[in-house]
PDB file of N, CA and C in Angstrom:
ATOM      1  N   MET A   1      -7.475  -7.682   6.625  1.00  0.00           N
ATOM      2  CA  MET A   1      -7.547  -6.259   6.383  1.00  0.00           C
ATOM      3  C   MET A   1      -6.353  -5.590   7.054  1.00  0.00           C
ATOM      4  N   GLN A   2      -5.713  -4.710   6.303  1.00  0.00           N
ATOM      5  CA  GLN A   2      -4.586  -3.932   6.803  1.00  0.00           C
ATOM      6  C   GLN A   2      -5.025  -2.472   6.907  1.00  0.00           C
ATOM      7  N   VAL A   3      -4.728  -1.831   8.027  1.00  0.00           N
ATOM      8  CA  VAL A   3      -5.072  -0.425   8.222  1.00  0.00           C
ATOM      9  C   VAL A   3      -3.788   0.358   8.431  1.00  0.00           C
ATOM     10  N   ILE A   4      -3.640   1.433   7.665  1.00  0.00           N
ATOM     11  CA  ILE A   4      -2.455   2.281   7.752  1.00  0.00           C
ATOM     12  C   ILE A   4      -2.912   3.662   8.220  1.00  0.00           C
ATOM     13  N   ASN A   5      -2.466   4.057   9.412  1.00  0.00           N
ATOM     14  CA  ASN A   5      -2.711   5.404   9.903  1.00  0.00           C
ATOM     15  C   ASN A   5      -1.434   6.196   9.683  1.00  0.00           C
ATOM     16  N   HIS A   6      -1.555   7.372   9.092  1.00  0.00           N
ATOM     17  CA  HIS A   6      -0.368   8.130   8.717  1.00  0.00           C
ATOM     18  C   HIS A   6      -0.630   9.624   8.857  1.00  0.00           C
ATOM     19  N   THR A   7       0.341  10.337   9.397  1.00  0.00           N
ATOM     20  CA  THR A   7       0.311  11.793   9.407  1.00  0.00           C
ATOM     21  C   THR A   7       1.240  12.256   8.296  1.00  0.00           C
ATOM     22  N   VAL A   8       0.709  13.019   7.370  1.00  0.00           N
ATOM     23  CA  VAL A   8       1.460  13.439   6.189  1.00  0.00           C
ATOM     24  C   VAL A   8       2.554  14.429   6.593  1.00  0.00           C
ATOM     25  N   VAL A   9       3.785  14.130   6.196  1.00  0.00           N
ATOM     26  CA  VAL A   9       4.916  14.982   6.540  1.00  0.00           C
ATOM     27  C   VAL A   9       5.498  15.698   5.326  1.00  0.00           C
ATOM     28  N   ALA A  10       5.123  15.287   4.143  1.00  0.00           N
ATOM     29  CA  ALA A  10       5.650  15.906   2.922  1.00  0.00           C
ATOM     30  C   ALA A  10       5.168  17.347   2.827  1.00  0.00           C
ATOM     31  N   VAL A  11       6.049  18.230   2.425  1.00  0.00           N
ATOM     32  CA  VAL A  11       5.742  19.654   2.321  1.00  0.00           C
ATOM     33  C   VAL A  11       4.544  19.903   1.414  1.00  0.00           C
ATOM     34  N   ASP A  12       4.452  19.174   0.313  1.00  0.00           N
ATOM     35  CA  ASP A  12       3.346  19.371  -0.632  1.00  0.00           C
ATOM     36  C   ASP A  12       2.150  18.470  -0.323  1.00  0.00           C
ATOM     37  N   GLY A  13       2.141  17.850   0.849  1.00  0.00           N
ATOM     38  CA  GLY A  13       1.032  16.971   1.219  1.00  0.00           C
ATOM     39  C   GLY A  13       1.024  15.740   0.342  1.00  0.00           C
ATOM     40  N   LEU A  14      -0.151  15.361  -0.086  1.00  0.00           N
ATOM     41  CA  LEU A  14      -0.289  14.235  -1.008  1.00  0.00           C
ATOM     42  C   LEU A  14      -0.449  14.847  -2.396  1.00  0.00           C
ATOM     43  N   GLY A  15       0.669  15.332  -2.939  1.00  0.00           N
ATOM     44  CA  GLY A  15       0.658  16.011  -4.224  1.00  0.00           C
ATOM     45  C   GLY A  15       0.317  15.089  -5.376  1.00  0.00           C
ATOM     46  N   ALA A  16       0.240  15.656  -6.558  1.00  0.00           N
ATOM     47  CA  ALA A  16      -0.201  14.919  -7.743  1.00  0.00           C
ATOM     48  C   ALA A  16       0.681  13.696  -8.034  1.00  0.00           C
ATOM     49  N   LEU A  17       1.983  13.845  -7.898  1.00  0.00           N
ATOM     50  CA  LEU A  17       2.882  12.726  -8.207  1.00  0.00           C
ATOM     51  C   LEU A  17       2.700  11.590  -7.197  1.00  0.00           C
ATOM     52  N   THR A  18       2.671  11.920  -5.933  1.00  0.00           N
ATOM     53  CA  THR A  18       2.477  10.902  -4.901  1.00  0.00           C
ATOM     54  C   THR A  18       1.098  10.271  -5.029  1.00  0.00           C
ATOM     55  N   ALA A  19       0.092  11.097  -5.289  1.00  0.00           N
ATOM     56  CA  ALA A  19      -1.274  10.585  -5.453  1.00  0.00           C
ATOM     57  C   ALA A  19      -1.343   9.613  -6.623  1.00  0.00           C
ATOM     58  N   SER A  20      -0.696   9.948  -7.734  1.00  0.00           N
ATOM     59  CA  SER A  20      -0.741   9.056  -8.901  1.00  0.00           C
ATOM     60  C   SER A  20      -0.010   7.746  -8.616  1.00  0.00           C
ATOM     61  N   ARG A  21       1.058   7.799  -7.844  1.00  0.00           N
ATOM     62  CA  ARG A  21       1.763   6.570  -7.476  1.00  0.00           C
ATOM     63  C   ARG A  21       0.912   5.714  -6.541  1.00  0.00           C
ATOM     64  N   LEU A  22       0.212   6.364  -5.617  1.00  0.00           N
ATOM     65  CA  LEU A  22      -0.695   5.637  -4.721  1.00  0.00           C
ATOM     66  C   LEU A  22      -1.790   4.948  -5.511  1.00  0.00           C
ATOM     67  N   VAL A  23      -2.382   5.656  -6.456  1.00  0.00           N
ATOM     68  CA  VAL A  23      -3.444   5.092  -7.295  1.00  0.00           C
ATOM     69  C   VAL A  23      -2.916   3.900  -8.087  1.00  0.00           C
ATOM     70  N   LYS A  24      -1.711   4.013  -8.596  1.00  0.00           N
ATOM     71  CA  LYS A  24      -1.121   2.919  -9.371  1.00  0.00           C
ATOM     72  C   LYS A  24      -0.937   1.673  -8.498  1.00  0.00           C
ATOM     73  N   ILE A  25      -0.410   1.865  -7.299  1.00  0.00           N
ATOM     74  CA  ILE A  25      -0.232   0.729  -6.382  1.00  0.00           C
ATOM     75  C   ILE A  25      -1.584   0.082  -6.086  1.00  0.00           C
ATOM     76  N   ALA A  26      -2.571   0.915  -5.786  1.00  0.00           N
ATOM     77  CA  ALA A  26      -3.908   0.406  -5.451  1.00  0.00           C
ATOM     78  C   ALA A  26      -4.538  -0.325  -6.631  1.00  0.00           C
ATOM     79  N   ALA A  27      -4.433   0.264  -7.812  1.00  0.00           N
ATOM     80  CA  ALA A  27      -5.079  -0.312  -8.999  1.00  0.00           C
ATOM     81  C   ALA A  27      -4.446  -1.634  -9.414  1.00  0.00           C
ATOM     82  N   GLU A  28      -3.150  -1.746  -9.267  1.00  0.00           N
ATOM     83  CA  GLU A  28      -2.448  -2.953  -9.693  1.00  0.00           C
ATOM     84  C   GLU A  28      -2.510  -4.072  -8.657  1.00  0.00           C
ATOM     85  N   SER A  29      -2.994  -3.772  -7.472  1.00  0.00           N
ATOM     86  CA  SER A  29      -2.929  -4.730  -6.370  1.00  0.00           C
ATOM     87  C   SER A  29      -3.987  -5.824  -6.422  1.00  0.00           C
ATOM     88  N   GLY A  30      -5.134  -5.527  -7.003  1.00  0.00           N
ATOM     89  CA  GLY A  30      -6.241  -6.470  -6.948  1.00  0.00           C
ATOM     90  C   GLY A  30      -6.979  -6.429  -5.617  1.00  0.00           C
ATOM     91  N   CYS A  31      -6.607  -5.487  -4.774  1.00  0.00           N
ATOM     92  CA  CYS A  31      -7.224  -5.320  -3.463  1.00  0.00           C
ATOM     93  C   CYS A  31      -8.207  -4.151  -3.486  1.00  0.00           C
ATOM     94  N   THR A  32      -9.039  -4.103  -2.466  1.00  0.00           N
ATOM     95  CA  THR A  32      -9.866  -2.932  -2.235  1.00  0.00           C
ATOM     96  C   THR A  32      -9.052  -1.995  -1.347  1.00  0.00           C
ATOM     97  N   VAL A  33      -8.838  -0.769  -1.817  1.00  0.00           N
ATOM     98  CA  VAL A  33      -8.043   0.197  -1.072  1.00  0.00           C
ATOM     99  C   VAL A  33      -8.860   1.475  -0.929  1.00  0.00           C
ATOM    100  N   THR A  34      -9.056   1.914   0.317  1.00  0.00           N
ATOM    101  CA  THR A  34      -9.774   3.165   0.552  1.00  0.00           C
ATOM    102  C   THR A  34      -8.873   4.124   1.310  1.00  0.00           C
ATOM    103  N   LEU A  35      -9.123   5.407   1.104  1.00  0.00           N
ATOM    104  CA  LEU A  35      -8.380   6.480   1.763  1.00  0.00           C
ATOM    105  C   LEU A  35      -9.385   7.353   2.492  1.00  0.00           C
ATOM    106  N   ASP A  36      -9.126   7.599   3.772  1.00  0.00           N
ATOM    107  CA  ASP A  36     -10.034   8.392   4.596  1.00  0.00           C
ATOM    108  C   ASP A  36      -9.292   9.597   5.169  1.00  0.00           C
ATOM    109  N   LYS A  37      -9.931  10.762   5.080  1.00  0.00           N
ATOM    110  CA  LYS A  37      -9.429  11.977   5.716  1.00  0.00           C
ATOM    111  C   LYS A  37     -10.616  12.687   6.352  1.00  0.00           C
ATOM    112  N   ASN A  38     -10.547  12.882   7.647  1.00  0.00           N
ATOM    113  CA  ASN A  38     -11.605  13.592   8.385  1.00  0.00           C
ATOM    114  C   ASN A  38     -12.994  13.011   8.131  1.00  0.00           C
ATOM    115  N   GLY A  39     -13.094  11.689   8.070  1.00  0.00           N
ATOM    116  CA  GLY A  39     -14.389  11.049   7.913  1.00  0.00           C
ATOM    117  C   GLY A  39     -14.892  10.931   6.486  1.00  0.00           C
ATOM    118  N   LYS A  40     -14.161  11.485   5.534  1.00  0.00           N
ATOM    119  CA  LYS A  40     -14.539  11.338   4.127  1.00  0.00           C
ATOM    120  C   LYS A  40     -13.682  10.224   3.529  1.00  0.00           C
ATOM    121  N   THR A  41     -14.335   9.199   3.000  1.00  0.00           N
ATOM    122  CA  THR A  41     -13.647   8.026   2.467  1.00  0.00           C
ATOM    123  C   THR A  41     -13.818   7.963   0.958  1.00  0.00           C
ATOM    124  N   VAL A  42     -12.686   7.718   0.260  1.00  0.00           N
ATOM    125  CA  VAL A  42     -12.716   7.598  -1.199  1.00  0.00           C
ATOM    126  C   VAL A  42     -12.002   6.323  -1.620  1.00  0.00           C
ATOM    127  N   ASN A  43     -12.294   5.891  -2.831  1.00  0.00           N
ATOM    128  CA  ASN A  43     -11.626   4.755  -3.456  1.00  0.00           C
ATOM    129  C   ASN A  43     -10.230   5.217  -3.877  1.00  0.00           C
ATOM    130  N   ALA A  44      -9.194   4.575  -3.347  1.00  0.00           N
ATOM    131  CA  ALA A  44      -7.819   4.978  -3.643  1.00  0.00           C
ATOM    132  C   ALA A  44      -7.377   4.606  -5.058  1.00  0.00           C
ATOM    133  N   LYS A  45      -8.254   3.971  -5.834  1.00  0.00           N
ATOM    134  CA  LYS A  45      -7.942   3.661  -7.226  1.00  0.00           C
ATOM    135  C   LYS A  45      -8.395   4.775  -8.158  1.00  0.00           C
ATOM    136  N   LYS A  46      -9.023   5.796  -7.618  1.00  0.00           N
ATOM    137  CA  LYS A  46      -9.571   6.905  -8.413  1.00  0.00           C
ATOM    138  C   LYS A  46      -8.741   8.163  -8.155  1.00  0.00           C
ATOM    139  N   LEU A  47      -7.945   8.575  -9.139  1.00  0.00           N
ATOM    140  CA  LEU A  47      -7.021   9.692  -8.977  1.00  0.00           C
ATOM    141  C   LEU A  47      -7.742  10.973  -8.567  1.00  0.00           C
ATOM    142  N   TYR A  48      -8.825  11.314  -9.244  1.00  0.00           N
ATOM    143  CA  TYR A  48      -9.514  12.559  -8.924  1.00  0.00           C
ATOM    144  C   TYR A  48     -10.111  12.529  -7.516  1.00  0.00           C
ATOM    145  N   ALA A  49     -10.530  11.375  -7.066  1.00  0.00           N
ATOM    146  CA  ALA A  49     -11.068  11.255  -5.712  1.00  0.00           C
ATOM    147  C   ALA A  49      -9.966  11.483  -4.682  1.00  0.00           C
ATOM    148  N   VAL A  50      -8.792  10.895  -4.925  1.00  0.00           N
ATOM    149  CA  VAL A  50      -7.662  11.053  -4.006  1.00  0.00           C
ATOM    150  C   VAL A  50      -7.209  12.513  -3.968  1.00  0.00           C
ATOM    151  N   ILE A  51      -7.052  13.118  -5.136  1.00  0.00           N
ATOM    152  CA  ILE A  51      -6.641  14.526  -5.196  1.00  0.00           C
ATOM    153  C   ILE A  51      -7.715  15.417  -4.572  1.00  0.00           C
ATOM    154  N   GLY A  52      -8.975  15.047  -4.767  1.00  0.00           N
ATOM    155  CA  GLY A  52     -10.087  15.827  -4.244  1.00  0.00           C
ATOM    156  C   GLY A  52     -10.135  15.906  -2.725  1.00  0.00           C
ATOM    157  N   LEU A  53      -9.468  14.990  -2.033  1.00  0.00           N
ATOM    158  CA  LEU A  53      -9.416  15.067  -0.579  1.00  0.00           C
ATOM    159  C   LEU A  53      -8.531  16.217  -0.095  1.00  0.00           C
ATOM    160  N   ASP A  54      -7.689  16.739  -0.989  1.00  0.00           N
ATOM    161  CA  ASP A  54      -6.819  17.878  -0.676  1.00  0.00           C
ATOM    162  C   ASP A  54      -6.002  17.625   0.596  1.00  0.00           C
ATOM    163  N   VAL A  55      -5.231  16.554   0.580  1.00  0.00           N
ATOM    164  CA  VAL A  55      -4.429  16.170   1.730  1.00  0.00           C
ATOM    165  C   VAL A  55      -3.195  17.060   1.800  1.00  0.00           C
ATOM    166  N   LYS A  56      -3.044  17.740   2.934  1.00  0.00           N
ATOM    167  CA  LYS A  56      -1.934  18.673   3.136  1.00  0.00           C
ATOM    168  C   LYS A  56      -1.012  18.176   4.244  1.00  0.00           C
ATOM    169  N   LYS A  57       0.148  18.808   4.353  1.00  0.00           N
ATOM    170  CA  LYS A  57       1.102  18.464   5.399  1.00  0.00           C
ATOM    171  C   LYS A  57       0.419  18.586   6.761  1.00  0.00           C
ATOM    172  N   GLY A  58       0.610  17.573   7.597  1.00  0.00           N
ATOM    173  CA  GLY A  58       0.035  17.557   8.930  1.00  0.00           C
ATOM    174  C   GLY A  58      -1.307  16.854   9.025  1.00  0.00           C
ATOM    175  N   ASP A  59      -1.944  16.588   7.875  1.00  0.00           N
ATOM    176  CA  ASP A  59      -3.232  15.896   7.886  1.00  0.00           C
ATOM    177  C   ASP A  59      -3.040  14.436   8.291  1.00  0.00           C
ATOM    178  N   LYS A  60      -4.028  13.916   9.008  1.00  0.00           N
ATOM    179  CA  LYS A  60      -4.028  12.504   9.384  1.00  0.00           C
ATOM    180  C   LYS A  60      -4.926  11.762   8.405  1.00  0.00           C
ATOM    181  N   ILE A  61      -4.365  10.718   7.797  1.00  0.00           N
ATOM    182  CA  ILE A  61      -5.122   9.915   6.839  1.00  0.00           C
ATOM    183  C   ILE A  61      -5.097   8.456   7.280  1.00  0.00           C
ATOM    184  N   THR A  62      -6.097   7.724   6.820  1.00  0.00           N
ATOM    185  CA  THR A  62      -6.166   6.294   7.088  1.00  0.00           C
ATOM    186  C   THR A  62      -6.418   5.577   5.770  1.00  0.00           C
ATOM    187  N   LEU A  63      -5.573   4.611   5.481  1.00  0.00           N
ATOM    188  CA  LEU A  63      -5.762   3.762   4.301  1.00  0.00           C
ATOM    189  C   LEU A  63      -6.130   2.372   4.783  1.00  0.00           C
ATOM    190  N   THR A  64      -7.134   1.796   4.157  1.00  0.00           N
ATOM    191  CA  THR A  64      -7.570   0.445   4.478  1.00  0.00           C
ATOM    192  C   THR A  64      -7.398  -0.416   3.234  1.00  0.00           C
ATOM    193  N   VAL A  65      -6.710  -1.539   3.406  1.00  0.00           N
ATOM    194  CA  VAL A  65      -6.409  -2.443   2.297  1.00  0.00           C
ATOM    195  C   VAL A  65      -6.972  -3.818   2.639  1.00  0.00           C
ATOM    196  N   SER A  66      -7.781  -4.360   1.737  1.00  0.00           N
ATOM    197  CA  SER A  66      -8.272  -5.722   1.952  1.00  0.00           C
ATOM    198  C   SER A  66      -8.292  -6.463   0.631  1.00  0.00           C
ATOM    199  N   GLY A  67      -7.895  -7.697   0.692  1.00  0.00           N
ATOM    200  CA  GLY A  67      -7.853  -8.508  -0.513  1.00  0.00           C
ATOM    201  C   GLY A  67      -6.738  -9.532  -0.441  1.00  0.00           C
ATOM    202  N   PRO A  68      -6.524 -10.256  -1.540  1.00  0.00           N
ATOM    203  CA  PRO A  68      -5.581 -11.371  -1.540  1.00  0.00           C
ATOM    204  C   PRO A  68      -4.120 -10.983  -1.303  1.00  0.00           C
ATOM    205  N   SER A  69      -3.723  -9.802  -1.725  1.00  0.00           N
ATOM    206  CA  SER A  69      -2.319  -9.390  -1.554  1.00  0.00           C
ATOM    207  C   SER A  69      -2.222  -8.153  -0.664  1.00  0.00           C
ATOM    208  N   GLU A  70      -3.076  -8.108   0.354  1.00  0.00           N
ATOM    209  CA  GLU A  70      -3.165  -6.908   1.179  1.00  0.00           C
ATOM    210  C   GLU A  70      -1.872  -6.580   1.916  1.00  0.00           C
ATOM    211  N   SER A  71      -1.147  -7.572   2.354  1.00  0.00           N
ATOM    212  CA  SER A  71       0.093  -7.324   3.079  1.00  0.00           C
ATOM    213  C   SER A  71       1.132  -6.648   2.185  1.00  0.00           C
ATOM    214  N   ASP A  72       1.322  -7.188   0.981  1.00  0.00           N
ATOM    215  CA  ASP A  72       2.278  -6.605   0.036  1.00  0.00           C
ATOM    216  C   ASP A  72       1.839  -5.211  -0.398  1.00  0.00           C
ATOM    217  N   THR A  73       0.553  -5.043  -0.624  1.00  0.00           N
ATOM    218  CA  THR A  73       0.024  -3.745  -1.036  1.00  0.00           C
ATOM    219  C   THR A  73       0.224  -2.715   0.073  1.00  0.00           C
ATOM    220  N   ALA A  74      -0.072  -3.093   1.301  1.00  0.00           N
ATOM    221  CA  ALA A  74       0.106  -2.184   2.440  1.00  0.00           C
ATOM    222  C   ALA A  74       1.577  -1.807   2.597  1.00  0.00           C
ATOM    223  N   ASP A  75       2.470  -2.765   2.410  1.00  0.00           N
ATOM    224  CA  ASP A  75       3.901  -2.471   2.492  1.00  0.00           C
ATOM    225  C   ASP A  75       4.319  -1.469   1.426  1.00  0.00           C
ATOM    226  N   GLY A  76       3.810  -1.633   0.204  1.00  0.00           N
ATOM    227  CA  GLY A  76       4.125  -0.702  -0.883  1.00  0.00           C
ATOM    228  C   GLY A  76       3.617   0.703  -0.597  1.00  0.00           C
ATOM    229  N   ILE A  77       2.426   0.782  -0.024  1.00  0.00           N
ATOM    230  CA  ILE A  77       1.855   2.091   0.302  1.00  0.00           C
ATOM    231  C   ILE A  77       2.651   2.752   1.420  1.00  0.00           C
ATOM    232  N   LYS A  78       3.027   1.984   2.437  1.00  0.00           N
ATOM    233  CA  LYS A  78       3.832   2.534   3.541  1.00  0.00           C
ATOM    234  C   LYS A  78       5.151   3.076   3.025  1.00  0.00           C
ATOM    235  N   LYS A  79       5.777   2.312   2.145  1.00  0.00           N
ATOM    236  CA  LYS A  79       7.064   2.735   1.571  1.00  0.00           C
ATOM    237  C   LYS A  79       6.882   4.046   0.795  1.00  0.00           C
ATOM    238  N   LEU A  80       5.808   4.152   0.040  1.00  0.00           N
ATOM    239  CA  LEU A  80       5.529   5.361  -0.717  1.00  0.00           C
ATOM    240  C   LEU A  80       5.333   6.551   0.213  1.00  0.00           C
ATOM    241  N   LEU A  81       4.549   6.376   1.258  1.00  0.00           N
ATOM    242  CA  LEU A  81       4.241   7.477   2.160  1.00  0.00           C
ATOM    243  C   LEU A  81       5.448   7.938   2.963  1.00  0.00           C
ATOM    244  N   LEU A  82       6.390   7.045   3.192  1.00  0.00           N
ATOM    245  CA  LEU A  82       7.572   7.395   3.966  1.00  0.00           C
ATOM    246  C   LEU A  82       8.745   7.881   3.118  1.00  0.00           C
ATOM    247  N   SER A  83       8.580   7.849   1.796  1.00  0.00           N
ATOM    248  CA  SER A  83       9.695   8.278   0.931  1.00  0.00           C
ATOM    249  C   SER A  83       9.649   9.767   0.661  1.00  0.00           C
TER     250      SER A  83
END
């Protein structure tokens, strides 16, 4: 299991474009990927669930990745969040 703790620095938070890219990475990975904000956890493969968390600049989020390609998936998510 890989755990990614991240403070969102993007001005638009986790906007629609970033959220859709996150969902794509999660969906194509074959892993279980969850996104947590303030104790609310959603499936990161569900676009409306991710957008529904309303992640804004400065929010602390935690992504948990588990499965056969968790290391590669976590690396892809980290790269996305830092771009």
